[in-house]
Amino acid sequence: MLVEPREIVKNWVSRFNEADADAIADCYSEDATNHQVIRDPVVGRAAIREMFAREFAQATMVCQIENIFQDGDWAILEWTDPNGLRGCGFFKTSDGKIVFQRGYFNELSFLRLNGLPLPTE
């Protein structure tokens, strides 16, 4: 059964909002890449799981769907959070899993909104 990319992303959002690193890691293929453009790409399901575990421990994050667009194997998520942060993510999917993700958001705003330390450089 073919799973539409928009449905894969809706499932990803649900798991993200549960703040469960194991559950969200299951959304990715074994050799997936997650590239939040403010950081170096994270490659592999295990490394992606560790990234989310660190991030979920650092701050309470909630993803609210504004729009999901789909084109072929790609889904594009436009999101907000309850604090007013906005961003977007591009998800390439294959066989019901995310194989590549690229995300854009303002890290400085994220840190400020969550009372986290700001970069010194």
N, C-alpha and C. Protein backbone atom coordinates (compact mmCIF):
# COMPACT_ATOMS: atom_id res chain seq x y z
N MET A 1 0.83 -1.18 0.00
CA MET A 1 0.00 0.00 0.00
C MET A 1 0.88 1.25 0.00
N LEU A 2 0.63 2.14 -0.91
CA LEU A 2 1.36 3.39 -1.02
C LEU A 2 0.88 4.37 0.04
N VAL A 3 1.83 4.91 0.81
CA VAL A 3 1.50 5.92 1.80
C VAL A 3 1.90 7.27 1.21
N GLU A 4 0.94 8.17 1.13
CA GLU A 4 1.19 9.49 0.57
C GLU A 4 2.17 10.26 1.45
N PRO A 5 3.10 11.02 0.85
CA PRO A 5 4.04 11.82 1.63
C PRO A 5 3.37 12.73 2.66
N ARG A 6 2.23 13.33 2.32
CA ARG A 6 1.56 14.22 3.30
C ARG A 6 1.12 13.43 4.54
N GLU A 7 0.73 12.16 4.36
CA GLU A 7 0.33 11.34 5.50
C GLU A 7 1.54 10.95 6.35
N ILE A 8 2.67 10.71 5.70
CA ILE A 8 3.91 10.42 6.43
C ILE A 8 4.28 11.62 7.29
N VAL A 9 4.16 12.82 6.74
CA VAL A 9 4.50 14.03 7.50
C VAL A 9 3.49 14.27 8.62
N LYS A 10 2.22 14.03 8.40
CA LYS A 10 1.24 14.16 9.48
C LYS A 10 1.58 13.21 10.63
N ASN A 11 1.99 12.00 10.30
CA ASN A 11 2.41 11.04 11.32
C ASN A 11 3.66 11.55 12.04
N TRP A 12 4.61 12.10 11.29
CA TRP A 12 5.83 12.66 11.87
C TRP A 12 5.48 13.75 12.87
N VAL A 13 4.55 14.65 12.52
CA VAL A 13 4.14 15.74 13.42
C VAL A 13 3.55 15.15 14.70
N SER A 14 2.70 14.15 14.58
CA SER A 14 2.11 13.52 15.78
C SER A 14 3.19 12.96 16.70
N ARG A 15 4.14 12.28 16.12
CA ARG A 15 5.22 11.69 16.93
C ARG A 15 6.14 12.77 17.50
N PHE A 16 6.40 13.82 16.73
CA PHE A 16 7.19 14.95 17.22
C PHE A 16 6.51 15.53 18.46
N ASN A 17 5.20 15.74 18.38
CA ASN A 17 4.47 16.36 19.48
C ASN A 17 4.38 15.46 20.71
N GLU A 18 4.64 14.17 20.55
CA GLU A 18 4.73 13.24 21.69
C GLU A 18 6.09 13.34 22.37
N ALA A 19 7.06 13.98 21.71
CA ALA A 19 8.43 14.12 22.23
C ALA A 19 9.05 12.75 22.54
N ASP A 20 8.79 11.79 21.66
CA ASP A 20 9.30 10.43 21.83
C ASP A 20 10.34 10.16 20.73
N ALA A 21 11.60 10.18 21.12
CA ALA A 21 12.69 10.04 20.14
C ALA A 21 12.62 8.71 19.40
N ASP A 22 12.26 7.64 20.09
CA ASP A 22 12.16 6.34 19.43
C ASP A 22 11.05 6.33 18.39
N ALA A 23 9.90 6.90 18.75
CA ALA A 23 8.76 6.91 17.84
C ALA A 23 9.06 7.76 16.60
N ILE A 24 9.67 8.91 16.80
CA ILE A 24 9.94 9.76 15.64
C ILE A 24 11.04 9.15 14.77
N ALA A 25 12.01 8.51 15.39
CA ALA A 25 13.08 7.87 14.60
C ALA A 25 12.51 6.80 13.68
N ASP A 26 11.43 6.15 14.10
CA ASP A 26 10.80 5.12 13.30
C ASP A 26 10.21 5.68 12.00
N CYS A 27 10.04 6.98 11.92
CA CYS A 27 9.52 7.61 10.70
C CYS A 27 10.56 7.66 9.58
N TYR A 28 11.82 7.43 9.91
CA TYR A 28 12.93 7.59 8.98
C TYR A 28 13.45 6.25 8.47
N SER A 29 13.96 6.23 7.24
CA SER A 29 14.64 5.05 6.73
C SER A 29 15.97 4.90 7.48
N GLU A 30 16.54 3.72 7.40
CA GLU A 30 17.78 3.43 8.13
C GLU A 30 18.91 4.40 7.78
N ASP A 31 18.99 4.82 6.52
CA ASP A 31 20.10 5.68 6.08
C ASP A 31 19.63 7.11 5.76
N ALA A 32 18.55 7.54 6.40
CA ALA A 32 17.98 8.87 6.14
C ALA A 32 18.95 9.98 6.55
N THR A 33 18.70 11.16 5.99
CA THR A 33 19.43 12.38 6.36
C THR A 33 18.44 13.42 6.84
N ASN A 34 18.75 14.03 7.97
CA ASN A 34 17.97 15.15 8.50
C ASN A 34 18.92 16.34 8.51
N HIS A 35 18.61 17.35 7.72
CA HIS A 35 19.47 18.53 7.64
C HIS A 35 18.68 19.78 8.03
N GLN A 36 18.83 20.17 9.28
CA GLN A 36 18.35 21.47 9.71
C GLN A 36 19.44 22.45 9.30
N VAL A 37 19.12 23.40 8.46
CA VAL A 37 20.16 24.17 7.78
C VAL A 37 21.04 24.98 8.72
N ILE A 38 20.64 25.14 9.96
CA ILE A 38 21.47 25.85 10.93
C ILE A 38 22.56 24.94 11.50
N ARG A 39 22.53 23.67 11.13
CA ARG A 39 23.49 22.68 11.64
C ARG A 39 23.97 21.79 10.49
N ASP A 40 24.96 20.96 10.80
CA ASP A 40 25.42 19.97 9.84
C ASP A 40 24.35 18.88 9.69
N PRO A 41 24.28 18.24 8.52
CA PRO A 41 23.33 17.15 8.34
C PRO A 41 23.57 16.01 9.34
N VAL A 42 22.49 15.37 9.76
CA VAL A 42 22.56 14.20 10.64
C VAL A 42 22.15 13.01 9.77
N VAL A 43 23.01 12.00 9.71
CA VAL A 43 22.80 10.87 8.80
C VAL A 43 22.60 9.59 9.58
N GLY A 44 21.55 8.87 9.22
CA GLY A 44 21.26 7.57 9.82
C GLY A 44 20.19 7.67 10.89
N ARG A 45 19.31 6.66 10.91
CA ARG A 45 18.20 6.66 11.87
C ARG A 45 18.68 6.76 13.31
N ALA A 46 19.74 6.04 13.68
CA ALA A 46 20.24 6.08 15.06
C ALA A 46 20.72 7.48 15.44
N ALA A 47 21.43 8.14 14.54
CA ALA A 47 21.92 9.50 14.82
C ALA A 47 20.76 10.49 14.89
N ILE A 48 19.76 10.30 14.04
CA ILE A 48 18.57 11.16 14.06
C ILE A 48 17.83 10.97 15.39
N ARG A 49 17.73 9.74 15.84
CA ARG A 49 17.09 9.46 17.13
C ARG A 49 17.82 10.19 18.25
N GLU A 50 19.13 10.13 18.25
CA GLU A 50 19.92 10.81 19.29
C GLU A 50 19.74 12.33 19.23
N MET A 51 19.68 12.88 18.03
CA MET A 51 19.45 14.31 17.87
C MET A 51 18.12 14.71 18.52
N PHE A 52 17.06 13.95 18.20
CA PHE A 52 15.75 14.28 18.78
C PHE A 52 15.75 14.07 20.29
N ALA A 53 16.41 13.05 20.79
CA ALA A 53 16.47 12.83 22.24
C ALA A 53 17.09 14.04 22.93
N ARG A 54 18.18 14.57 22.38
CA ARG A 54 18.82 15.77 22.95
C ARG A 54 17.88 16.97 22.89
N GLU A 55 17.26 17.16 21.73
CA GLU A 55 16.39 18.32 21.55
C GLU A 55 15.14 18.25 22.43
N PHE A 56 14.53 17.08 22.55
CA PHE A 56 13.35 16.94 23.39
C PHE A 56 13.70 17.16 24.86
N ALA A 57 14.93 16.82 25.28
CA ALA A 57 15.36 17.06 26.66
C ALA A 57 15.64 18.54 26.91
N GLN A 58 15.96 19.27 25.86
CA GLN A 58 16.35 20.67 25.98
C GLN A 58 15.16 21.61 26.10
N ALA A 59 14.08 21.34 25.39
CA ALA A 59 12.95 22.27 25.35
C ALA A 59 11.67 21.52 25.00
N THR A 60 10.56 22.07 25.47
CA THR A 60 9.26 21.56 25.06
C THR A 60 8.95 22.15 23.70
N MET A 61 8.74 21.29 22.72
CA MET A 61 8.49 21.75 21.36
C MET A 61 7.16 21.20 20.88
N VAL A 62 6.40 22.03 20.21
CA VAL A 62 5.12 21.65 19.65
C VAL A 62 5.06 22.14 18.21
N CYS A 63 4.70 21.27 17.32
CA CYS A 63 4.58 21.61 15.90
C CYS A 63 3.11 21.69 15.55
N GLN A 64 2.69 22.86 15.09
CA GLN A 64 1.31 23.07 14.64
C GLN A 64 1.34 23.21 13.13
N ILE A 65 0.59 22.37 12.44
CA ILE A 65 0.57 22.38 10.98
C ILE A 65 -0.17 23.61 10.48
N GLU A 66 0.50 24.38 9.64
CA GLU A 66 -0.15 25.48 8.92
C GLU A 66 -0.61 24.98 7.55
N ASN A 67 0.32 24.34 6.83
CA ASN A 67 0.04 23.80 5.50
C ASN A 67 0.93 22.60 5.26
N ILE A 68 0.41 21.66 4.49
CA ILE A 68 1.23 20.58 3.95
C ILE A 68 0.95 20.52 2.46
N PHE A 69 2.00 20.64 1.68
CA PHE A 69 1.91 20.55 0.23
C PHE A 69 2.61 19.28 -0.20
N GLN A 70 2.18 18.69 -1.29
CA GLN A 70 2.78 17.46 -1.77
C GLN A 70 3.08 17.57 -3.25
N ASP A 71 4.24 17.05 -3.63
CA ASP A 71 4.62 16.99 -5.04
C ASP A 71 5.43 15.71 -5.24
N GLY A 72 4.83 14.73 -5.87
CA GLY A 72 5.53 13.45 -6.08
C GLY A 72 5.88 12.80 -4.76
N ASP A 73 7.17 12.51 -4.57
CA ASP A 73 7.65 11.87 -3.34
C ASP A 73 7.96 12.87 -2.23
N TRP A 74 7.67 14.13 -2.47
CA TRP A 74 8.00 15.19 -1.51
C TRP A 74 6.76 15.73 -0.82
N ALA A 75 6.92 16.08 0.45
CA ALA A 75 5.91 16.84 1.18
C ALA A 75 6.61 18.04 1.80
N ILE A 76 5.93 19.16 1.81
CA ILE A 76 6.45 20.41 2.37
C ILE A 76 5.53 20.82 3.50
N LEU A 77 6.12 20.99 4.68
CA LEU A 77 5.38 21.34 5.88
C LEU A 77 5.69 22.78 6.25
N GLU A 78 4.66 23.60 6.35
CA GLU A 78 4.79 24.94 6.92
C GLU A 78 4.20 24.86 8.31
N TRP A 79 4.96 25.28 9.34
CA TRP A 79 4.53 25.07 10.72
C TRP A 79 4.70 26.33 11.56
N THR A 80 4.00 26.32 12.69
CA THR A 80 4.18 27.31 13.75
C THR A 80 4.26 26.54 15.06
N ASP A 81 4.60 27.26 16.13
CA ASP A 81 4.49 26.67 17.46
C ASP A 81 3.68 27.63 18.33
N PRO A 82 3.30 27.21 19.53
CA PRO A 82 2.46 28.06 20.38
C PRO A 82 3.12 29.38 20.78
N ASN A 83 4.45 29.47 20.68
CA ASN A 83 5.16 30.70 21.04
C ASN A 83 5.31 31.67 19.87
N GLY A 84 4.84 31.28 18.70
CA GLY A 84 4.92 32.17 17.54
C GLY A 84 6.08 31.89 16.60
N LEU A 85 6.91 30.90 16.91
CA LEU A 85 7.99 30.53 16.01
C LEU A 85 7.39 29.92 14.75
N ARG A 86 8.01 30.19 13.62
CA ARG A 86 7.54 29.67 12.33
C ARG A 86 8.70 28.99 11.63
N GLY A 87 8.37 28.03 10.78
CA GLY A 87 9.40 27.38 9.99
C GLY A 87 8.78 26.53 8.91
N CYS A 88 9.65 25.85 8.16
CA CYS A 88 9.16 24.94 7.15
C CYS A 88 10.14 23.79 7.01
N GLY A 89 9.61 22.68 6.55
CA GLY A 89 10.43 21.50 6.35
C GLY A 89 10.06 20.83 5.03
N PHE A 90 11.07 20.28 4.39
CA PHE A 90 10.92 19.55 3.13
C PHE A 90 11.26 18.10 3.41
N PHE A 91 10.38 17.19 3.05
CA PHE A 91 10.52 15.77 3.36
C PHE A 91 10.44 14.96 2.07
N LYS A 92 11.52 14.24 1.73
CA LYS A 92 11.47 13.29 0.62
C LYS A 92 11.19 11.93 1.23
N THR A 93 10.23 11.22 0.63
CA THR A 93 9.81 9.94 1.19
C THR A 93 9.99 8.82 0.17
N SER A 94 10.12 7.61 0.70
CA SER A 94 10.19 6.42 -0.12
C SER A 94 9.77 5.23 0.73
N ASP A 95 8.94 4.37 0.19
CA ASP A 95 8.50 3.15 0.89
C ASP A 95 7.95 3.45 2.29
N GLY A 96 7.20 4.57 2.42
CA GLY A 96 6.54 4.88 3.68
C GLY A 96 7.42 5.51 4.74
N LYS A 97 8.66 5.86 4.38
CA LYS A 97 9.60 6.44 5.35
C LYS A 97 10.18 7.74 4.80
N ILE A 98 10.68 8.56 5.71
CA ILE A 98 11.40 9.78 5.33
C ILE A 98 12.83 9.37 4.99
N VAL A 99 13.29 9.75 3.80
CA VAL A 99 14.67 9.45 3.41
C VAL A 99 15.54 10.71 3.46
N PHE A 100 14.92 11.87 3.39
CA PHE A 100 15.65 13.13 3.46
C PHE A 100 14.74 14.20 4.02
N GLN A 101 15.26 15.00 4.91
CA GLN A 101 14.51 16.12 5.48
C GLN A 101 15.42 17.33 5.55
N ARG A 102 14.90 18.47 5.14
CA ARG A 102 15.62 19.73 5.32
C ARG A 102 14.66 20.70 5.99
N GLY A 103 15.13 21.36 7.06
CA GLY A 103 14.28 22.27 7.82
C GLY A 103 14.88 23.65 7.94
N TYR A 104 13.99 24.63 7.97
CA TYR A 104 14.37 26.03 8.09
C TYR A 104 13.59 26.68 9.23
N PHE A 105 14.29 27.29 10.16
CA PHE A 105 13.67 28.07 11.23
C PHE A 105 14.74 28.99 11.80
N ASN A 106 14.32 29.97 12.60
CA ASN A 106 15.25 30.92 13.19
C ASN A 106 15.70 30.40 14.55
N GLU A 107 16.93 29.93 14.62
CA GLU A 107 17.43 29.35 15.86
C GLU A 107 17.50 30.37 16.99
N LEU A 108 17.90 31.58 16.70
CA LEU A 108 18.00 32.61 17.74
C LEU A 108 16.63 32.85 18.38
N SER A 109 15.58 32.93 17.56
CA SER A 109 14.23 33.08 18.10
C SER A 109 13.84 31.87 18.94
N PHE A 110 14.18 30.67 18.47
CA PHE A 110 13.88 29.45 19.23
C PHE A 110 14.54 29.50 20.60
N LEU A 111 15.82 29.86 20.64
CA LEU A 111 16.54 29.91 21.92
C LEU A 111 15.92 30.94 22.85
N ARG A 112 15.63 32.12 22.33
CA ARG A 112 15.01 33.17 23.16
C ARG A 112 13.65 32.76 23.69
N LEU A 113 12.80 32.21 22.83
CA LEU A 113 11.46 31.81 23.23
C LEU A 113 11.45 30.70 24.28
N ASN A 114 12.51 29.90 24.31
CA ASN A 114 12.60 28.80 25.25
C ASN A 114 13.53 29.07 26.43
N GLY A 115 14.02 30.32 26.55
CA GLY A 115 14.88 30.68 27.66
C GLY A 115 16.19 29.92 27.69
N LEU A 116 16.70 29.57 26.52
CA LEU A 116 17.95 28.82 26.41
C LEU A 116 19.12 29.77 26.17
N PRO A 117 20.33 29.33 26.50
CA PRO A 117 21.50 30.20 26.31
C PRO A 117 21.67 30.62 24.85
N LEU A 118 22.04 31.86 24.66
CA LEU A 118 22.29 32.39 23.32
C LEU A 118 23.75 32.17 22.96
N PRO A 119 24.04 32.02 21.67
CA PRO A 119 25.43 31.86 21.24
C PRO A 119 26.22 33.12 21.58
N THR A 120 27.49 32.95 21.87
CA THR A 120 28.34 34.09 22.22
C THR A 120 29.15 34.60 21.05
N GLU A 121 29.17 33.86 19.95
CA GLU A 121 29.93 34.29 18.78
C GLU A 121 29.01 34.67 17.65
